[in-house]
Protein backbone atom coordinates (compact mmCIF):
# COMPACT_ATOMS: atom_id res chain seq x y z
CA MET A 1 -89.83 -96.49 -80.02
CA ASP A 2 -89.49 -95.42 -83.67
CA ALA A 3 -87.92 -98.73 -84.72
CA VAL A 4 -90.70 -100.89 -83.29
CA SER A 5 -93.63 -98.58 -84.10
CA HIS A 6 -93.36 -98.57 -87.90
CA GLY A 7 -92.14 -101.31 -90.18
CA ILE A 8 -91.44 -105.03 -90.17
CA LEU A 9 -89.87 -106.70 -87.15
CA ALA A 10 -87.76 -109.66 -88.27
CA PHE A 11 -87.93 -112.77 -86.09
CA PRO A 12 -85.05 -115.01 -87.21
CA ALA A 13 -85.11 -118.74 -86.74
CA THR A 14 -82.44 -120.29 -84.53
CA ALA A 15 -80.15 -122.49 -86.58
CA PHE A 16 -79.09 -125.84 -85.13
CA LYS A 17 -76.45 -128.27 -86.35
CA SER A 18 -78.55 -130.95 -84.72
CA ALA A 19 -81.38 -130.88 -82.23
CA ASP A 20 -78.80 -130.27 -79.49
CA THR A 21 -76.23 -127.85 -80.93
CA LEU A 22 -76.38 -124.21 -81.99
CA ASP A 23 -74.92 -123.43 -85.41
CA ARG A 24 -73.27 -120.03 -84.84
CA GLU A 25 -72.09 -119.71 -88.45
CA ALA A 26 -75.55 -120.40 -89.87
CA ASN A 27 -77.13 -117.99 -87.38
CA ALA A 28 -74.68 -115.27 -88.41
CA ALA A 29 -75.43 -115.90 -92.09
CA HIS A 30 -79.17 -115.77 -91.43
CA ILE A 31 -78.89 -112.40 -89.66
CA SER A 32 -76.77 -111.00 -92.50
CA PHE A 33 -79.37 -112.24 -95.00
CA LEU A 34 -82.15 -110.42 -93.11
CA VAL A 35 -80.10 -107.25 -92.67
CA GLY A 36 -79.80 -107.01 -96.45
CA HIS A 37 -83.55 -106.37 -96.58
CA ALA A 38 -83.58 -103.67 -93.88
CA PRO A 39 -86.13 -104.69 -91.24
CA SER A 40 -87.00 -102.09 -88.60
CA ALA A 41 -85.60 -104.34 -85.87
CA ILE A 42 -84.37 -107.90 -85.37
CA VAL A 43 -85.82 -109.99 -82.54
CA CYS A 44 -83.57 -112.91 -81.70
CA SER A 45 -84.46 -115.84 -79.41
CA GLY A 46 -88.16 -115.10 -79.91
CA GLY A 47 -90.97 -117.53 -80.57
CA ALA A 48 -89.75 -118.14 -84.13
CA GLY A 49 -86.30 -118.63 -82.61
CA GLU A 50 -87.62 -121.40 -80.30
CA ILE A 51 -86.96 -119.56 -77.04
CA PHE A 52 -88.97 -122.23 -75.24
CA SER A 53 -86.25 -124.81 -75.97
CA LEU A 54 -83.15 -122.64 -75.45
CA ASP A 55 -81.09 -122.47 -72.29
CA LEU A 56 -79.74 -119.16 -70.99
CA ALA A 57 -76.28 -119.68 -72.46
CA GLU A 58 -77.79 -120.30 -75.89
CA GLN A 59 -79.96 -117.20 -75.59
CA ARG A 60 -76.91 -115.09 -74.79
CA ALA A 61 -74.96 -116.62 -77.67
CA LEU A 62 -77.76 -115.72 -80.07
CA VAL A 63 -77.80 -112.12 -78.85
CA GLU A 64 -74.04 -111.90 -79.33
CA VAL A 65 -74.23 -113.29 -82.86
CA THR A 66 -77.17 -111.05 -83.77
CA VAL A 67 -75.55 -107.87 -82.43
CA ALA A 68 -72.30 -108.70 -84.23
CA ASN A 69 -74.08 -109.04 -87.58
CA ALA A 70 -76.97 -106.57 -87.29
CA ALA A 71 -75.10 -103.70 -89.00
CA GLY A 72 -76.70 -101.10 -86.75
CA ILE A 73 -80.27 -102.37 -86.97
CA PRO A 74 -81.79 -102.44 -83.44
CA VAL A 75 -81.63 -105.85 -81.76
CA VAL A 76 -84.40 -106.99 -79.43
CA ALA A 77 -83.67 -110.06 -77.30
CA GLY A 78 -86.41 -112.49 -76.32
CA ILE A 79 -86.47 -113.43 -72.64
CA GLY A 80 -88.87 -115.37 -70.43
CA GLN A 81 -89.32 -118.88 -69.04
CA GLY A 82 -90.17 -117.58 -65.58
CA ALA A 83 -89.08 -114.56 -63.52
CA ALA A 84 -85.64 -115.81 -62.42
CA ASN A 85 -84.62 -116.86 -65.95
CA ALA A 86 -86.08 -113.67 -67.41
CA ARG A 87 -84.05 -111.50 -65.04
CA GLU A 88 -80.85 -113.34 -65.86
CA GLY A 89 -81.69 -113.31 -69.55
CA ALA A 90 -82.23 -109.56 -69.37
CA ARG A 91 -78.85 -109.00 -67.73
CA ASN A 92 -77.14 -111.27 -70.26
CA ALA A 93 -78.78 -109.51 -73.20
CA GLU A 94 -77.77 -106.10 -71.86
CA LYS A 95 -74.15 -107.19 -71.51
CA ALA A 96 -74.22 -108.70 -75.00
CA GLY A 97 -75.28 -105.38 -76.54
CA ALA A 98 -79.03 -105.77 -77.16
CA ASP A 99 -81.06 -102.59 -77.61
CA ALA A 100 -84.31 -103.82 -76.04
CA LEU A 101 -86.07 -106.89 -74.64
CA LEU A 102 -89.18 -108.85 -75.58
CA LEU A 103 -90.63 -110.41 -72.43
CA PHE A 104 -92.65 -113.59 -72.89
CA PRO A 105 -95.50 -114.59 -70.54
CA PRO A 106 -94.50 -116.35 -67.31
CA TYR A 107 -94.05 -120.06 -67.69
CA LEU A 108 -97.31 -122.06 -67.72
CA VAL A 109 -99.21 -120.33 -64.90
CA HIS A 110 -102.30 -118.16 -65.33
CA ALA A 111 -102.30 -115.03 -63.17
CA GLU A 112 -104.44 -112.04 -62.32
CA GLN A 113 -103.49 -108.65 -63.78
CA GLU A 114 -101.91 -107.64 -60.47
CA GLY A 115 -99.56 -110.61 -60.66
CA LEU A 116 -98.72 -109.96 -64.31
CA ARG A 117 -97.96 -106.34 -63.48
CA ASP A 118 -95.63 -107.41 -60.68
CA TYR A 119 -93.89 -109.90 -62.98
CA ILE A 120 -93.32 -107.30 -65.70
CA ALA A 121 -92.27 -104.59 -63.26
CA ASP A 122 -89.77 -106.98 -61.65
CA ILE A 123 -88.11 -107.58 -65.03
CA CYS A 124 -88.16 -103.86 -65.89
CA ARG A 125 -86.38 -103.08 -62.62
CA SER A 126 -83.70 -105.68 -63.34
CA THR A 127 -82.44 -103.97 -66.51
CA GLY A 128 -81.73 -100.61 -68.05
CA LEU A 129 -83.03 -101.77 -71.43
CA PRO A 130 -86.48 -100.91 -72.82
CA VAL A 131 -88.94 -103.79 -72.28
CA ILE A 132 -91.68 -104.84 -74.72
CA VAL A 133 -94.18 -107.34 -73.32
CA TYR A 134 -95.56 -110.13 -75.48
CA SER A 135 -99.26 -110.19 -74.58
CA ARG A 136 -100.79 -113.58 -75.40
CA ASP A 137 -102.05 -116.91 -74.04
CA ASN A 138 -101.61 -116.95 -70.24
CA GLY A 139 -100.10 -113.45 -70.17
CA ILE A 140 -102.65 -111.11 -71.78
CA VAL A 141 -102.02 -107.57 -70.54
CA THR A 142 -104.97 -105.17 -70.33
CA THR A 143 -104.76 -101.50 -71.26
CA GLU A 144 -105.17 -100.53 -67.59
CA THR A 145 -102.22 -102.72 -66.60
CA ALA A 146 -100.07 -101.36 -69.42
CA LEU A 147 -100.79 -97.74 -68.47
CA ARG A 148 -99.98 -98.42 -64.83
CA LEU A 149 -96.69 -100.04 -65.87
CA ALA A 150 -95.89 -96.98 -67.97
CA ASP A 151 -96.30 -94.84 -64.86
CA GLU A 152 -94.23 -97.14 -62.66
CA CYS A 153 -91.47 -98.24 -65.05
CA PRO A 154 -89.74 -95.68 -67.29
CA ASN A 155 -88.27 -98.46 -69.46
CA PHE A 156 -91.61 -100.18 -70.16
CA LEU A 157 -91.85 -99.57 -73.92
CA GLY A 158 -95.11 -101.23 -74.93
CA ILE A 159 -96.95 -104.34 -76.07
CA LYS A 160 -96.57 -106.91 -78.82
CA ASP A 161 -100.11 -108.20 -79.20
CA GLY A 162 -100.50 -111.89 -80.00
CA VAL A 163 -104.29 -112.03 -79.62
CA GLY A 164 -105.88 -109.80 -82.27
CA ASP A 165 -108.79 -108.58 -80.12
CA PHE A 166 -109.67 -105.39 -81.97
CA GLU A 167 -111.82 -103.95 -79.21
CA ALA A 168 -108.88 -104.24 -76.80
CA LEU A 169 -106.41 -102.93 -79.39
CA LEU A 170 -108.56 -99.90 -80.13
CA GLU A 171 -108.86 -99.12 -76.42
CA PHE A 172 -105.10 -99.42 -76.02
CA LYS A 173 -104.43 -97.15 -78.99
CA LEU A 174 -106.96 -94.50 -77.92
CA ARG A 175 -105.90 -94.39 -74.28
CA GLY A 176 -102.18 -95.00 -74.78
CA GLY A 177 -101.73 -92.80 -77.84
CA ASP A 178 -98.06 -92.39 -78.72
CA ARG A 179 -97.02 -93.00 -75.13
CA LEU A 180 -96.54 -96.74 -75.69
CA ALA A 181 -95.56 -98.86 -78.68
CA LEU A 182 -98.18 -101.31 -79.96
CA ILE A 183 -97.06 -104.07 -82.31
CA ASN A 184 -99.25 -106.47 -84.29
CA GLY A 185 -97.80 -109.83 -83.28
CA VAL A 186 -100.48 -112.39 -84.11
CA PRO A 187 -99.38 -115.49 -86.07
CA THR A 188 -99.01 -114.49 -89.75
CA ALA A 189 -99.57 -110.89 -88.73
CA GLU A 190 -100.04 -109.78 -92.34
CA ILE A 191 -103.58 -111.20 -92.21
CA LEU A 192 -104.62 -108.38 -89.84
CA ALA A 193 -102.26 -105.69 -91.12
CA VAL A 194 -104.86 -103.69 -93.06
CA GLN A 195 -107.21 -103.50 -90.08
CA CYS A 196 -104.37 -102.57 -87.72
CA PHE A 197 -103.08 -99.84 -90.02
CA ALA A 198 -106.59 -98.35 -90.11
CA PHE A 199 -106.25 -97.20 -86.50
CA GLY A 200 -102.57 -96.53 -86.32
CA ILE A 201 -100.79 -99.84 -85.58
CA GLU A 202 -98.10 -99.69 -88.25
CA SER A 203 -95.62 -102.38 -87.23
CA TYR A 204 -95.84 -106.14 -87.10
CA SER A 205 -93.77 -109.27 -86.75
CA SER A 206 -93.36 -111.27 -89.94
CA ALA A 207 -92.49 -114.95 -90.17
CA VAL A 208 -92.46 -114.64 -93.96
CA PHE A 209 -89.72 -112.01 -93.76
CA SER A 210 -87.41 -114.74 -92.41
CA PHE A 211 -87.42 -116.69 -95.68
CA LEU A 212 -89.06 -114.39 -98.29
CA PRO A 213 -88.06 -110.90 -97.17
CA GLU A 214 -88.63 -109.39 -100.59
CA VAL A 215 -92.25 -110.60 -100.59
CA ALA A 216 -92.83 -109.46 -97.00
CA THR A 217 -91.41 -106.04 -97.83
CA ARG A 218 -93.62 -105.71 -100.91
CA PHE A 219 -96.68 -106.56 -98.84
CA PHE A 220 -95.76 -103.99 -96.19
CA LYS A 221 -95.31 -101.30 -98.84
CA ALA A 222 -98.69 -102.20 -100.38
CA VAL A 223 -100.46 -101.97 -97.03
CA SER A 224 -98.75 -98.77 -95.91
CA SER A 225 -99.43 -97.06 -99.27
CA ARG A 226 -103.08 -98.24 -99.27
CA ASP A 227 -102.56 -100.24 -102.48
CA ALA A 228 -105.70 -102.35 -102.13
CA ALA A 229 -105.23 -104.34 -105.33
CA GLU A 230 -101.68 -105.47 -104.50
CA THR A 231 -102.59 -106.17 -100.87
CA SER A 232 -105.60 -108.25 -101.88
CA ARG A 233 -103.66 -110.27 -104.46
CA LEU A 234 -100.89 -111.14 -102.03
CA LEU A 235 -103.39 -112.09 -99.34
CA HIS A 236 -105.46 -114.34 -101.57
CA GLU A 237 -102.65 -115.96 -103.55
CA PHE A 238 -100.06 -116.36 -100.81
CA TYR A 239 -100.80 -115.31 -97.23
CA LEU A 240 -104.21 -116.95 -96.79
CA PRO A 241 -103.03 -120.31 -98.22
CA LEU A 242 -99.90 -120.05 -96.05
CA THR A 243 -102.09 -119.48 -92.99
CA ALA A 244 -104.18 -122.53 -93.87
CA LEU A 245 -100.97 -124.58 -94.12
CA ARG A 246 -99.73 -123.21 -90.80
CA LYS A 247 -102.92 -124.39 -89.10
CA ARG A 248 -102.65 -128.00 -90.30
CA ARG A 249 -100.49 -129.12 -87.37
CA ARG A 250 -99.47 -127.72 -84.01
CA GLY A 251 -96.12 -125.98 -84.03
CA TYR A 252 -96.13 -125.24 -87.75
CA ALA A 253 -95.89 -121.50 -87.07
CA VAL A 254 -92.21 -122.19 -86.32
CA SER A 255 -91.65 -125.25 -88.50
CA ILE A 256 -92.77 -123.39 -91.64
CA ILE A 257 -90.01 -120.83 -91.16
CA LYS A 258 -87.26 -123.43 -91.09
CA ALA A 259 -88.83 -125.30 -94.00
CA GLY A 260 -89.04 -122.05 -95.95
CA LEU A 261 -85.39 -121.27 -95.25
CA ARG A 262 -84.44 -124.71 -96.48
CA LEU A 263 -86.40 -124.19 -99.70
CA VAL A 264 -84.77 -120.83 -100.47
CA GLY A 265 -81.25 -122.08 -99.76
CA GLN A 266 -80.81 -120.69 -96.24
CA PRO A 267 -80.93 -123.88 -94.12
CA ALA A 268 -81.31 -123.54 -90.36
CA GLY A 269 -81.39 -127.20 -89.36
CA PRO A 270 -84.30 -129.02 -87.71
CA VAL A 271 -86.76 -127.74 -85.14
CA ARG A 272 -86.18 -128.96 -81.60
CA PRO A 273 -88.63 -131.29 -79.86
CA PRO A 274 -91.46 -131.07 -79.04
CA LEU A 275 -91.90 -129.38 -82.44
CA THR A 276 -91.91 -131.44 -85.61
CA ASP A 277 -90.75 -130.57 -89.11
CA LEU A 278 -93.20 -130.36 -92.01
CA THR A 279 -94.45 -133.58 -93.58
CA HIS A 280 -93.38 -134.31 -97.18
CA GLU A 281 -96.84 -133.32 -98.43
CA ASP A 282 -96.82 -130.05 -96.51
CA MET A 283 -93.27 -129.30 -97.63
CA ALA A 284 -94.42 -129.70 -101.23
CA GLU A 285 -97.31 -127.30 -100.62
CA LEU A 286 -94.97 -124.73 -99.08
CA GLU A 287 -92.64 -125.08 -102.05
CA ARG A 288 -95.60 -124.40 -104.37
CA LEU A 289 -96.59 -121.28 -102.40
CA ILE A 290 -93.03 -119.98 -102.48
CA GLY A 291 -93.06 -120.48 -106.24
CA VAL A 292 -96.30 -118.49 -106.50
CA ALA A 293 -94.89 -115.67 -104.36
CA ARG A 294 -91.64 -115.53 -106.31
CA GLY A 295 -93.57 -115.54 -109.58
CA GLN A 296 -95.55 -112.54 -108.32
CA GLU A 297 -92.29 -110.87 -107.36
CA ALA A 298 -90.82 -111.37 -110.84
CA ALA A 299 -93.98 -110.05 -112.51
CA HIS A 300 -94.00 -107.05 -110.17
CA ALA A 301 -90.37 -106.26 -110.98
CA LEU A 302 -91.05 -106.44 -114.74
CA SER A 303 -94.08 -104.17 -114.49
CA HIS A 304 -92.05 -101.56 -112.61
């Protein structure tokens, strides 16, 4: 609960030698790189890790590699792709040494809250690990459903919100209190970090942490210390332009991470279909933004 309720949750990319082969060595190096910057937790085989294109054996391999290189930082394993795969993924992750699970919405189908509750409860009953539910798209979990799950399932830990509906978030925080974890998990979560911190949501997932952890850490410190000037500068000069770039093409939320890793010397291979890598023009824009962010970092270090 402590690890996922305050701080940055790292969501590593999944490194491939080609579109069809995991690169275990590159994945291990990527985890070690992230560990050096002390995230609150590491979430492997998540959305940034392309869970939607991984088979169960690959998911388990990623958990094993992450646990082996996490140096004691809690490891959360992404699971999903339907109830049967999620149950098996949960069991595999538990055997591989994961500390918790991040459950993605059920594959494709839209369901009523009763069905979502049954789906989540089924996964909770299949494992002894704490379960965080990713609430987004076809699997948005209401506060009422979350509170009922908390009553029924002792290992239901909380929600990673991928929607950013502040009315719903405020209701969840007021009614759930400290009983359940609530994580800001919208794409480029830093954009909403100030608003979330204002009513007690003090953790978020960060794609930027995957390739510029020093910048992501500086932003988190600025937000958590209420440094409005530093927060505003980073938002205007880096995060807002990065968000605009992310929105240019579908799938860029993942593709940008691998492109960023390539640009900072931590290659993770290509994205798997149906995703596409950045165009040459967009790669050049990302390189420019990384240069801006690193320039800010150098100036910040000199001033302190």
